[in-house]
Amino acid sequence: MTTPDPLQLAAAVRKACVLAALDGYERAQIAGLCQEGAWEAAVDAMRMLDLDALVAYGTAREPAAGQSGP
């Protein structure tokens, strides 16, 4: 087992948070929520991220060429 690269793990977490927030906000806006409600949905989406999956990704070897992580 290799030692996880903290920078790689941090980048994966940041990317997952941004994607979750954008998706949560967009879904809330489509559902007709106001801007404040959509922001709350975006924050909730980040809170619901699967941290175990992110840690597993961060501790795994680098993806093969052409593949991306979360």
Protein backbone atom coordinates (compact mmCIF):
# COMPACT_ATOMS: atom_id res chain seq x y z
CA MET A 1 0.00 0.00 0.00
CA THR A 2 1.35 3.40 -0.93
CA THR A 3 1.21 6.53 1.19
CA PRO A 4 -1.58 8.82 -0.02
CA ASP A 5 -0.51 12.05 -1.66
CA PRO A 6 -2.15 14.81 0.42
CA LEU A 7 -2.25 17.19 -2.52
CA GLN A 8 -3.97 14.62 -4.74
CA LEU A 9 -6.52 13.90 -2.01
CA ALA A 10 -7.15 17.61 -1.43
CA ALA A 11 -7.64 18.18 -5.17
CA ALA A 12 -10.12 15.29 -5.35
CA VAL A 13 -12.08 16.69 -2.40
CA ARG A 14 -12.14 20.19 -3.89
CA LYS A 15 -13.30 18.89 -7.26
CA ALA A 16 -16.02 16.75 -5.67
CA CYS A 17 -17.26 19.69 -3.57
CA VAL A 18 -17.45 22.03 -6.55
CA LEU A 19 -19.28 19.46 -8.69
CA ALA A 20 -21.71 18.63 -5.89
CA ALA A 21 -22.43 22.30 -5.19
CA LEU A 22 -23.01 23.15 -8.84
CA ASP A 23 -25.29 20.15 -9.31
CA GLY A 24 -27.24 20.83 -6.11
CA TYR A 25 -27.68 24.50 -6.98
CA GLU A 26 -28.80 23.76 -10.53
CA ARG A 27 -31.31 21.12 -9.41
CA ALA A 28 -32.74 23.48 -6.80
CA GLN A 29 -33.10 26.29 -9.32
CA ILE A 30 -34.86 23.94 -11.76
CA ALA A 31 -37.17 22.89 -8.92
CA GLY A 32 -38.10 26.54 -8.44
CA LEU A 33 -36.28 27.33 -5.21
CA CYS A 34 -35.24 30.90 -4.56
CA GLN A 35 -31.57 31.83 -4.64
CA GLU A 36 -31.19 31.33 -0.88
CA GLY A 37 -32.88 27.93 -1.05
CA ALA A 38 -30.70 26.91 -3.97
CA TRP A 39 -27.59 27.89 -2.01
CA GLU A 40 -28.76 25.78 0.95
CA ALA A 41 -29.29 22.85 -1.44
CA ALA A 42 -25.75 23.32 -2.78
CA VAL A 43 -24.30 23.25 0.74
CA ASP A 44 -26.37 20.17 1.59
CA ALA A 45 -25.05 18.45 -1.54
CA MET A 46 -21.49 19.02 -0.32
CA ARG A 47 -22.42 17.71 3.14
CA MET A 48 -23.73 14.49 1.57
CA LEU A 49 -20.50 13.68 -0.29
CA ASP A 50 -19.24 10.14 0.23
CA LEU A 51 -16.01 10.87 2.09
CA ASP A 52 -15.04 7.20 2.19
CA ALA A 53 -15.04 7.12 -1.62
CA LEU A 54 -12.93 10.28 -1.77
CA VAL A 55 -10.38 8.90 0.67
CA ALA A 56 -10.28 5.63 -1.28
CA TYR A 57 -9.67 7.61 -4.47
CA GLY A 58 -6.97 9.68 -2.81
CA THR A 59 -5.16 6.61 -1.53
CA ALA A 60 -5.44 4.65 -4.77
CA ARG A 61 -2.75 4.74 -7.38
CA GLU A 62 -3.04 7.38 -10.05
CA PRO A 63 -5.75 6.67 -12.62
CA ALA A 64 -4.67 5.27 -15.95
CA ALA A 65 -4.16 7.73 -18.80
CA GLY A 66 -7.47 9.12 -20.03
CA GLN A 67 -9.34 8.34 -16.82
CA SER A 68 -10.35 10.88 -14.23
CA GLY A 69 -11.34 10.70 -10.60
CA PRO A 70 -14.38 12.13 -8.77
